N, C-alpha and C. Protein backbone atom coordinates (compact mmCIF):
# COMPACT_ATOMS: atom_id res chain seq x y z
N MET A 1 3.74 -127.74 218.29
CA MET A 1 2.94 -126.71 219.18
C MET A 1 3.47 -127.03 220.66
N LEU A 2 3.88 -125.66 221.28
CA LEU A 2 4.24 -125.65 222.57
C LEU A 2 3.33 -125.64 223.71
N PRO A 3 3.58 -126.41 224.80
CA PRO A 3 2.47 -126.37 225.86
C PRO A 3 2.40 -124.93 226.30
N PHE A 4 1.18 -124.67 227.05
CA PHE A 4 0.81 -123.30 227.49
C PHE A 4 1.80 -122.69 228.20
N PHE A 5 2.30 -123.50 229.13
CA PHE A 5 3.22 -122.84 230.27
C PHE A 5 4.61 -122.29 229.69
N MET A 6 4.99 -123.17 228.52
CA MET A 6 6.16 -122.82 227.69
C MET A 6 5.98 -121.44 226.85
N GLU A 7 4.70 -121.27 226.43
CA GLU A 7 4.34 -120.00 225.67
C GLU A 7 4.31 -118.88 226.51
N LEU A 8 3.77 -119.21 227.61
CA LEU A 8 3.62 -118.18 228.84
C LEU A 8 4.77 -117.62 229.29
N THR A 9 5.70 -118.68 229.49
CA THR A 9 6.91 -118.37 230.00
C THR A 9 7.83 -117.39 228.81
N MET A 10 7.74 -117.69 227.66
CA MET A 10 8.30 -117.08 226.54
C MET A 10 7.69 -115.65 226.30
N THR A 11 6.53 -115.53 226.50
CA THR A 11 5.86 -114.22 226.42
C THR A 11 6.20 -113.29 227.62
N THR A 12 6.17 -113.93 228.80
CA THR A 12 6.59 -113.06 229.93
C THR A 12 8.10 -112.71 229.92
N GLU A 13 9.00 -113.44 229.19
CA GLU A 13 10.31 -112.95 228.99
C GLU A 13 10.57 -111.94 227.87
N LEU A 14 9.73 -111.81 226.81
CA LEU A 14 9.50 -111.09 225.79
C LEU A 14 9.33 -109.72 226.26
N TRP A 15 8.13 -109.79 227.22
CA TRP A 15 7.59 -108.55 227.97
C TRP A 15 8.68 -107.96 228.84
N LYS A 16 9.38 -108.81 229.51
CA LYS A 16 10.64 -108.16 230.46
C LYS A 16 11.60 -107.37 229.51
N LYS A 17 12.06 -107.98 228.22
CA LYS A 17 12.77 -107.31 227.42
C LYS A 17 12.09 -106.10 226.96
N VAL A 18 10.91 -106.10 226.62
CA VAL A 18 10.33 -104.85 225.99
C VAL A 18 10.25 -103.74 227.24
N LYS A 19 9.72 -104.25 228.58
CA LYS A 19 9.89 -103.04 229.41
C LYS A 19 11.19 -102.41 229.59
N LYS A 20 12.29 -103.31 229.44
CA LYS A 20 13.72 -102.55 229.61
C LYS A 20 13.95 -102.14 228.27
N MET A 21 13.44 -102.07 227.37
CA MET A 21 13.73 -101.63 225.97
C MET A 21 14.97 -102.08 225.51
N ASP A 22 15.05 -103.49 226.01
CA ASP A 22 16.21 -104.28 225.44
C ASP A 22 15.77 -105.40 224.38
N LEU A 23 15.66 -104.68 223.28
CA LEU A 23 15.30 -105.60 222.10
C LEU A 23 16.28 -106.50 221.34
N GLY A 24 17.33 -106.51 222.04
CA GLY A 24 18.39 -107.59 221.50
C GLY A 24 19.35 -106.76 220.74
N ASN A 25 18.98 -105.90 219.35
CA ASN A 25 19.91 -105.37 218.29
C ASN A 25 19.94 -103.68 219.02
N PRO A 26 20.70 -103.25 219.34
CA PRO A 26 20.80 -102.00 219.66
C PRO A 26 20.62 -100.90 218.50
N VAL A 27 20.83 -101.25 217.27
CA VAL A 27 20.35 -100.74 215.95
C VAL A 27 18.92 -100.59 215.97
N ILE A 28 18.36 -101.84 216.09
CA ILE A 28 16.76 -101.87 216.18
C ILE A 28 16.30 -100.94 217.06
N THR A 29 16.91 -100.84 218.05
CA THR A 29 16.30 -100.29 219.36
C THR A 29 16.46 -98.85 219.17
N ALA A 30 17.52 -98.25 218.51
CA ALA A 30 17.65 -97.08 218.42
C ALA A 30 16.88 -96.54 217.25
N LEU A 31 16.71 -97.20 216.01
CA LEU A 31 15.76 -97.05 215.26
C LEU A 31 14.21 -97.00 215.49
N VAL A 32 13.83 -97.69 216.48
CA VAL A 32 12.39 -97.90 217.02
C VAL A 32 12.23 -96.25 217.89
N GLY A 33 13.26 -96.14 218.66
CA GLY A 33 13.19 -94.87 219.24
C GLY A 33 13.07 -93.56 218.43
N LEU A 34 13.89 -93.55 217.41
CA LEU A 34 13.91 -92.46 216.36
C LEU A 34 12.32 -92.18 215.80
N VAL A 35 11.74 -93.56 215.38
CA VAL A 35 10.57 -93.29 214.88
C VAL A 35 9.34 -93.28 215.84
N ILE A 36 9.71 -93.44 216.92
CA ILE A 36 8.60 -93.02 218.31
C ILE A 36 8.81 -91.42 218.12
N PHE A 37 9.91 -90.96 218.48
CA PHE A 37 10.32 -89.51 218.63
C PHE A 37 9.80 -88.70 217.62
N TYR A 38 9.80 -88.96 216.29
CA TYR A 38 9.48 -88.51 215.09
C TYR A 38 7.76 -88.44 215.18
N ILE A 39 7.25 -89.63 215.44
CA ILE A 39 5.83 -89.68 215.64
C ILE A 39 5.49 -88.46 216.65
N GLY A 40 6.17 -88.36 217.64
CA GLY A 40 5.64 -87.62 218.92
C GLY A 40 5.84 -86.16 218.31
N LEU A 41 7.03 -85.76 217.56
CA LEU A 41 7.16 -84.29 217.17
C LEU A 41 6.09 -84.00 216.09
N LYS A 42 5.65 -84.98 215.24
CA LYS A 42 4.61 -84.49 214.16
C LYS A 42 3.29 -84.52 215.29
N THR A 43 2.92 -85.07 216.01
CA THR A 43 1.82 -84.94 216.71
C THR A 43 1.86 -83.79 217.48
N PHE A 44 3.02 -83.33 218.12
CA PHE A 44 2.82 -82.19 218.63
C PHE A 44 2.82 -81.04 217.98
N SER A 45 3.75 -81.04 216.62
CA SER A 45 3.52 -79.93 215.71
C SER A 45 1.98 -79.91 215.50
N GLY A 46 1.40 -80.98 215.03
CA GLY A 46 -0.21 -80.83 214.58
C GLY A 46 -1.02 -80.11 215.80
N GLY A 47 -0.79 -80.35 217.10
CA GLY A 47 -1.37 -79.74 218.03
C GLY A 47 -1.16 -78.36 218.25
N MET A 48 0.02 -77.90 218.04
CA MET A 48 0.64 -76.45 217.86
C MET A 48 -0.11 -75.47 216.71
N LYS A 49 -0.16 -76.22 215.71
CA LYS A 49 -0.54 -75.72 214.38
C LYS A 49 -2.24 -75.23 214.75
N SER A 50 -2.92 -76.19 215.47
CA SER A 50 -4.14 -75.90 215.71
C SER A 50 -4.40 -75.04 216.64
N MET A 51 -3.59 -74.15 217.44
CA MET A 51 -3.86 -73.33 218.47
C MET A 51 -4.35 -71.96 217.66
N GLY A 52 -3.83 -71.77 216.55
CA GLY A 52 -4.35 -70.73 215.77
C GLY A 52 -4.24 -69.29 216.26
N ASN A 53 -5.00 -68.34 216.55
CA ASN A 53 -4.49 -67.14 216.66
C ASN A 53 -4.41 -66.80 218.28
N MET A 54 -3.17 -66.14 218.84
CA MET A 54 -2.80 -66.08 220.29
C MET A 54 -3.08 -64.44 220.69
N ASP A 55 -4.22 -63.80 220.52
CA ASP A 55 -4.28 -62.33 220.94
C ASP A 55 -3.75 -62.12 222.09
N HIS A 56 -3.97 -63.02 223.23
CA HIS A 56 -3.65 -62.73 224.50
C HIS A 56 -2.32 -62.72 224.76
N LEU A 57 -1.38 -63.22 223.58
CA LEU A 57 0.06 -62.86 223.74
C LEU A 57 0.85 -62.02 223.03
N GLN A 58 -0.18 -61.19 222.42
CA GLN A 58 0.14 -60.18 221.19
C GLN A 58 1.55 -59.24 222.03
N PHE A 59 1.34 -58.70 223.37
CA PHE A 59 2.42 -57.98 223.76
C PHE A 59 3.48 -58.59 223.71
N PHE A 60 3.79 -59.89 223.90
CA PHE A 60 4.78 -60.55 224.04
C PHE A 60 5.32 -60.88 222.60
N LEU A 61 4.61 -61.23 221.67
CA LEU A 61 4.91 -61.57 220.42
C LEU A 61 5.48 -60.42 219.53
N GLY A 62 5.20 -59.17 220.00
CA GLY A 62 5.75 -57.86 219.47
C GLY A 62 7.17 -57.59 219.74
N ASN A 63 7.57 -58.14 220.78
CA ASN A 63 8.92 -57.76 221.55
C ASN A 63 9.89 -58.93 221.39
N PRO A 64 11.04 -58.66 220.63
CA PRO A 64 11.94 -59.84 220.34
C PRO A 64 12.49 -60.39 221.63
N ILE A 65 12.62 -59.39 222.59
CA ILE A 65 13.58 -59.81 223.73
C ILE A 65 12.50 -60.61 224.52
N TYR A 66 11.42 -60.67 224.93
CA TYR A 66 10.47 -61.65 225.53
C TYR A 66 10.14 -62.86 224.61
N MET A 67 10.32 -62.71 223.51
CA MET A 67 10.52 -64.10 222.85
C MET A 67 11.57 -64.92 223.01
N PHE A 68 12.67 -64.12 222.90
CA PHE A 68 14.05 -64.71 223.14
C PHE A 68 14.19 -65.30 224.62
N LEU A 69 13.69 -64.74 225.47
CA LEU A 69 13.60 -65.24 226.76
C LEU A 69 12.72 -66.29 227.09
N GLY A 70 11.49 -66.45 226.22
CA GLY A 70 10.60 -67.31 226.19
C GLY A 70 11.20 -68.61 225.51
N GLY A 71 11.89 -68.62 224.39
CA GLY A 71 12.55 -69.56 223.95
C GLY A 71 13.57 -70.33 224.82
N ILE A 72 14.40 -69.37 225.84
CA ILE A 72 15.29 -70.02 226.68
C ILE A 72 14.54 -70.78 227.61
N VAL A 73 13.45 -70.23 228.32
CA VAL A 73 12.53 -70.80 229.34
C VAL A 73 11.81 -72.18 228.83
N MET A 74 11.21 -72.05 227.27
CA MET A 74 10.64 -73.10 226.88
C MET A 74 11.65 -74.32 226.91
N THR A 75 12.83 -74.03 226.56
CA THR A 75 13.87 -75.17 226.36
C THR A 75 14.31 -75.81 227.39
N LEU A 76 14.48 -74.77 228.48
CA LEU A 76 14.93 -75.42 229.84
C LEU A 76 13.93 -76.35 230.30
N LEU A 77 12.52 -75.93 230.26
CA LEU A 77 11.63 -76.59 230.89
C LEU A 77 11.29 -77.93 230.03
N TRP A 78 11.51 -77.95 228.84
CA TRP A 78 11.11 -79.02 227.88
C TRP A 78 12.47 -79.88 227.77
N GLN A 79 13.41 -79.39 228.11
CA GLN A 79 14.90 -80.09 227.99
C GLN A 79 15.23 -80.55 226.52
N SER A 80 14.61 -79.66 225.50
CA SER A 80 14.81 -80.11 223.98
C SER A 80 14.63 -78.98 223.16
N SER A 81 15.56 -78.61 222.53
CA SER A 81 15.58 -77.69 221.46
C SER A 81 14.77 -77.93 220.11
N SER A 82 14.86 -79.34 220.07
CA SER A 82 14.10 -79.70 218.97
C SER A 82 12.60 -79.54 219.25
N LEU A 83 12.17 -79.90 220.36
CA LEU A 83 10.68 -79.87 220.71
C LEU A 83 10.18 -78.33 220.62
N SER A 84 11.13 -77.30 221.36
CA SER A 84 11.06 -76.03 221.02
C SER A 84 10.92 -75.47 219.82
N THR A 85 11.83 -75.91 218.89
CA THR A 85 11.88 -75.35 217.48
C THR A 85 10.77 -75.74 216.62
N THR A 86 10.30 -77.00 217.11
CA THR A 86 9.17 -77.72 216.31
C THR A 86 7.86 -76.90 216.71
N ALA A 87 7.78 -76.49 217.97
CA ALA A 87 6.41 -75.76 218.44
C ALA A 87 6.73 -74.12 217.78
N ILE A 88 7.85 -73.46 217.51
CA ILE A 88 8.09 -72.42 217.20
C ILE A 88 7.63 -72.41 215.61
N ILE A 89 8.14 -73.57 214.81
CA ILE A 89 7.61 -73.39 213.35
C ILE A 89 6.44 -73.84 213.11
N ALA A 90 5.74 -74.77 214.12
CA ALA A 90 4.32 -74.96 213.80
C ALA A 90 3.30 -73.81 214.04
N LEU A 91 3.89 -72.78 214.97
CA LEU A 91 2.93 -71.48 215.31
C LEU A 91 3.44 -70.67 214.35
N VAL A 92 4.43 -70.52 213.75
CA VAL A 92 4.68 -69.77 212.23
C VAL A 92 3.84 -70.34 211.28
N ALA A 93 3.69 -71.39 211.27
CA ALA A 93 3.00 -72.09 209.88
C ALA A 93 1.30 -71.87 209.96
N SER A 94 0.92 -71.73 211.36
CA SER A 94 -0.40 -71.39 211.58
C SER A 94 -0.81 -69.96 211.36
N GLY A 95 0.32 -69.18 211.46
CA GLY A 95 0.16 -67.96 211.36
C GLY A 95 -0.05 -67.22 212.75
N ALA A 96 0.10 -67.89 213.93
CA ALA A 96 -0.20 -67.20 215.20
C ALA A 96 1.12 -66.69 215.38
N LEU A 97 2.28 -66.82 215.04
CA LEU A 97 3.52 -66.27 215.53
C LEU A 97 4.27 -65.70 214.38
N PRO A 98 4.55 -64.24 214.39
CA PRO A 98 5.40 -63.96 213.33
C PRO A 98 6.72 -64.03 213.13
N LEU A 99 7.21 -64.10 212.05
CA LEU A 99 8.60 -64.33 211.88
C LEU A 99 9.74 -63.94 212.58
N PRO A 100 9.54 -62.46 213.02
CA PRO A 100 10.68 -62.18 213.67
C PRO A 100 10.65 -62.49 215.06
N ALA A 101 9.46 -62.69 215.70
CA ALA A 101 9.42 -63.32 216.93
C ALA A 101 9.93 -64.80 216.89
N ALA A 102 9.49 -65.51 215.88
CA ALA A 102 9.94 -66.92 215.77
C ALA A 102 11.70 -67.01 215.71
N ILE A 103 12.25 -65.98 215.12
CA ILE A 103 13.61 -65.90 215.09
C ILE A 103 14.13 -65.58 216.38
N ALA A 104 13.61 -64.81 216.99
CA ALA A 104 13.91 -64.33 218.41
C ALA A 104 13.90 -65.55 219.24
N ALA A 105 12.68 -66.38 219.33
CA ALA A 105 12.55 -67.71 220.16
C ALA A 105 13.52 -68.88 219.81
N VAL A 106 13.96 -68.91 218.50
CA VAL A 106 14.91 -69.95 218.18
C VAL A 106 16.30 -69.33 218.41
N LEU A 107 16.56 -68.29 218.62
CA LEU A 107 17.81 -67.76 219.29
C LEU A 107 17.90 -68.23 220.68
N GLY A 108 16.70 -67.92 221.34
CA GLY A 108 16.56 -68.27 222.78
C GLY A 108 16.52 -69.78 223.13
N ALA A 109 15.97 -70.40 222.17
CA ALA A 109 16.01 -71.89 222.39
C ALA A 109 17.42 -72.46 222.38
N ASN A 110 18.33 -71.85 221.42
CA ASN A 110 19.75 -72.32 221.35
C ASN A 110 20.48 -72.02 222.47
N ILE A 111 20.12 -70.88 223.34
CA ILE A 111 20.69 -70.66 224.60
C ILE A 111 20.07 -71.60 225.53
N GLY A 112 18.74 -71.77 225.52
CA GLY A 112 17.95 -72.89 226.63
C GLY A 112 18.75 -74.23 226.31
N THR A 113 19.35 -74.68 225.19
CA THR A 113 19.98 -75.87 225.04
C THR A 113 21.09 -75.91 225.95
N THR A 114 21.98 -74.87 225.76
CA THR A 114 22.85 -74.96 226.47
C THR A 114 22.95 -74.85 228.10
N GLY A 115 21.65 -74.38 228.34
CA GLY A 115 21.52 -74.10 229.85
C GLY A 115 21.18 -75.60 230.43
N THR A 116 20.52 -76.56 229.36
CA THR A 116 20.41 -77.84 229.85
C THR A 116 21.75 -78.72 230.26
N ILE A 117 22.67 -78.27 229.54
CA ILE A 117 24.14 -78.85 229.94
C ILE A 117 24.56 -78.29 231.15
N TRP A 118 24.26 -77.11 231.70
CA TRP A 118 24.71 -76.93 233.06
C TRP A 118 23.74 -77.41 234.13
N LEU A 119 22.40 -77.45 233.75
CA LEU A 119 21.45 -78.08 234.67
C LEU A 119 21.66 -79.40 234.94
N ALA A 120 21.94 -80.08 233.98
CA ALA A 120 22.54 -81.37 233.90
C ALA A 120 23.66 -81.86 234.84
N GLY A 121 24.41 -80.83 234.75
CA GLY A 121 25.65 -80.89 235.47
C GLY A 121 25.55 -80.49 237.12
N LEU A 122 24.61 -79.64 237.03
CA LEU A 122 24.47 -79.26 238.60
C LEU A 122 23.49 -80.34 239.32
N LEU A 123 22.36 -80.55 238.42
CA LEU A 123 21.49 -81.50 239.17
C LEU A 123 21.51 -82.96 239.22
N VAL A 124 22.21 -83.40 238.08
CA VAL A 124 22.27 -84.92 237.90
C VAL A 124 23.71 -85.50 237.95
N SER A 125 24.73 -84.78 237.63
CA SER A 125 26.05 -85.31 237.70
C SER A 125 26.66 -84.84 238.84
N ASP A 126 27.89 -84.66 239.03
CA ASP A 126 28.40 -84.50 240.58
C ASP A 126 28.91 -83.03 240.57
N GLY A 127 27.84 -82.21 239.96
CA GLY A 127 28.02 -80.62 240.24
C GLY A 127 28.69 -80.14 238.91
N MET A 128 29.26 -78.87 238.78
CA MET A 128 29.68 -78.48 237.68
C MET A 128 30.62 -79.13 236.81
N PRO A 129 30.57 -78.99 235.63
CA PRO A 129 31.29 -79.67 234.52
C PRO A 129 32.80 -79.36 235.01
N LYS A 130 33.83 -80.26 234.69
CA LYS A 130 35.20 -80.04 234.82
C LYS A 130 36.13 -80.51 233.97
N GLY A 131 37.01 -79.85 233.70
CA GLY A 131 38.07 -80.22 232.86
C GLY A 131 37.57 -80.01 231.33
N ASP A 132 37.73 -81.09 230.40
CA ASP A 132 37.20 -80.69 229.01
C ASP A 132 35.88 -80.73 228.65
N THR A 133 34.98 -81.40 229.75
CA THR A 133 33.66 -81.17 229.53
C THR A 133 32.99 -79.76 230.00
N LEU A 134 33.84 -79.00 230.68
CA LEU A 134 33.64 -77.61 230.98
C LEU A 134 34.08 -76.67 229.85
N ARG A 135 35.10 -77.15 229.40
CA ARG A 135 35.42 -76.39 228.10
C ARG A 135 34.53 -76.57 227.00
N ILE A 136 34.26 -77.68 226.81
CA ILE A 136 32.82 -77.87 225.71
C ILE A 136 31.92 -77.05 226.13
N ALA A 137 31.40 -77.24 227.32
CA ALA A 137 30.05 -76.26 228.01
C ALA A 137 30.33 -75.02 227.66
N LEU A 138 31.35 -74.43 227.98
CA LEU A 138 31.96 -73.08 227.65
C LEU A 138 31.85 -72.60 226.04
N ALA A 139 32.25 -73.51 225.25
CA ALA A 139 32.52 -73.29 223.93
C ALA A 139 30.93 -73.02 223.28
N HIS A 140 30.17 -74.24 223.81
CA HIS A 140 28.91 -74.14 223.19
C HIS A 140 28.11 -73.00 223.63
N THR A 141 27.97 -72.79 225.14
CA THR A 141 27.40 -71.48 225.48
C THR A 141 27.88 -70.15 225.00
N GLY A 142 29.13 -69.94 224.74
CA GLY A 142 29.76 -68.72 224.12
C GLY A 142 29.37 -68.54 222.91
N ALA A 143 29.51 -69.88 222.10
CA ALA A 143 28.92 -69.58 220.66
C ALA A 143 27.52 -69.28 220.54
N ASN A 144 26.85 -69.56 221.27
CA ASN A 144 25.24 -69.53 221.28
C ASN A 144 24.98 -68.16 221.75
N LEU A 145 25.65 -67.45 222.68
CA LEU A 145 25.34 -66.32 223.30
C LEU A 145 26.09 -65.42 222.32
N PHE A 146 27.22 -65.46 221.67
CA PHE A 146 27.76 -64.61 220.77
C PHE A 146 26.85 -64.35 219.56
N MET A 147 26.22 -65.44 219.14
CA MET A 147 25.29 -65.49 217.81
C MET A 147 24.07 -64.66 218.14
N ALA A 148 23.42 -64.88 219.39
CA ALA A 148 22.13 -64.40 219.84
C ALA A 148 22.42 -62.83 220.06
N VAL A 149 23.70 -62.51 220.88
CA VAL A 149 23.85 -61.03 220.79
C VAL A 149 24.02 -60.30 219.71
N MET A 150 24.63 -61.19 218.37
CA MET A 150 24.74 -60.35 217.21
C MET A 150 23.43 -60.32 216.29
N LEU A 151 22.39 -61.33 216.51
CA LEU A 151 21.41 -61.43 215.63
C LEU A 151 20.17 -60.92 216.39
N LEU A 152 20.28 -60.70 217.53
CA LEU A 152 18.81 -60.30 218.20
C LEU A 152 18.24 -58.93 217.70
N PRO A 153 19.25 -57.72 217.80
CA PRO A 153 18.94 -56.64 217.27
C PRO A 153 18.39 -56.71 215.92
N TRP A 154 18.95 -57.48 214.98
CA TRP A 154 18.60 -57.65 213.72
C TRP A 154 17.18 -58.60 213.15
N VAL A 155 16.46 -59.14 214.36
CA VAL A 155 15.41 -59.94 213.78
C VAL A 155 14.26 -59.46 212.99
N HIS A 156 13.87 -58.42 212.82
CA HIS A 156 13.02 -57.54 212.30
C HIS A 156 13.35 -57.52 210.72
N HIS A 157 14.72 -57.43 210.58
CA HIS A 157 15.29 -56.93 209.45
C HIS A 157 15.58 -58.52 208.90
N ILE A 158 15.77 -59.39 209.46
CA ILE A 158 16.08 -60.89 209.14
C ILE A 158 14.76 -61.51 208.64
N GLY A 159 13.91 -61.17 209.49
CA GLY A 159 12.50 -61.66 209.08
C GLY A 159 12.06 -61.08 207.64
N ARG A 160 12.19 -59.67 207.55
CA ARG A 160 11.72 -59.00 206.31
C ARG A 160 12.59 -59.71 205.17
N PHE A 161 13.76 -60.09 205.01
CA PHE A 161 14.57 -60.58 204.36
C PHE A 161 14.25 -61.88 203.94
N LEU A 162 13.93 -62.83 204.93
CA LEU A 162 13.42 -64.18 204.63
C LEU A 162 11.99 -64.22 204.09
N GLY A 163 11.42 -63.17 204.51
CA GLY A 163 10.06 -63.09 203.79
C GLY A 163 9.97 -63.09 202.44
N ARG A 164 11.07 -62.81 201.90
CA ARG A 164 10.83 -62.84 200.40
C ARG A 164 10.99 -64.14 199.74
N PHE A 165 11.30 -65.01 200.32
CA PHE A 165 11.71 -66.40 199.99
C PHE A 165 10.29 -67.32 200.14
N GLY A 166 9.24 -66.83 200.45
CA GLY A 166 8.13 -67.79 200.91
C GLY A 166 7.14 -67.16 200.08
């Protein structure tokens, strides 16, 4: 049995490692992070499902352009298209969000995720991306914009088609 002060020192050292999230093995640390992220998404999804009916947003829900812009803003604010998509899916599952509006919002979330690249460059890094980073950002933004422009006019038809599979 160790003396009390040695146990206290070992506990203090372990606490310092946990506070820094330096658990020793990077694979274990990454797996713990993924589990915590998954639990957070499930909790968030459950909260969104319980929102139920959103009559006060009916004006926005019927307009794909507003839902598209809402998806962009939501993803820019949360800086996570995974979180935005989880919220959208949970709202569809609860019956609060119609499928065409959800499709438009997911298209917007895809644009919003490219916006975080640009915002991170402007606010966190040394300014606008340069070189290969700029080319990757342009390719990602361009592909998502192209997809959104092509699909957005058809969200009602896509929703009607996908509705056959449920």
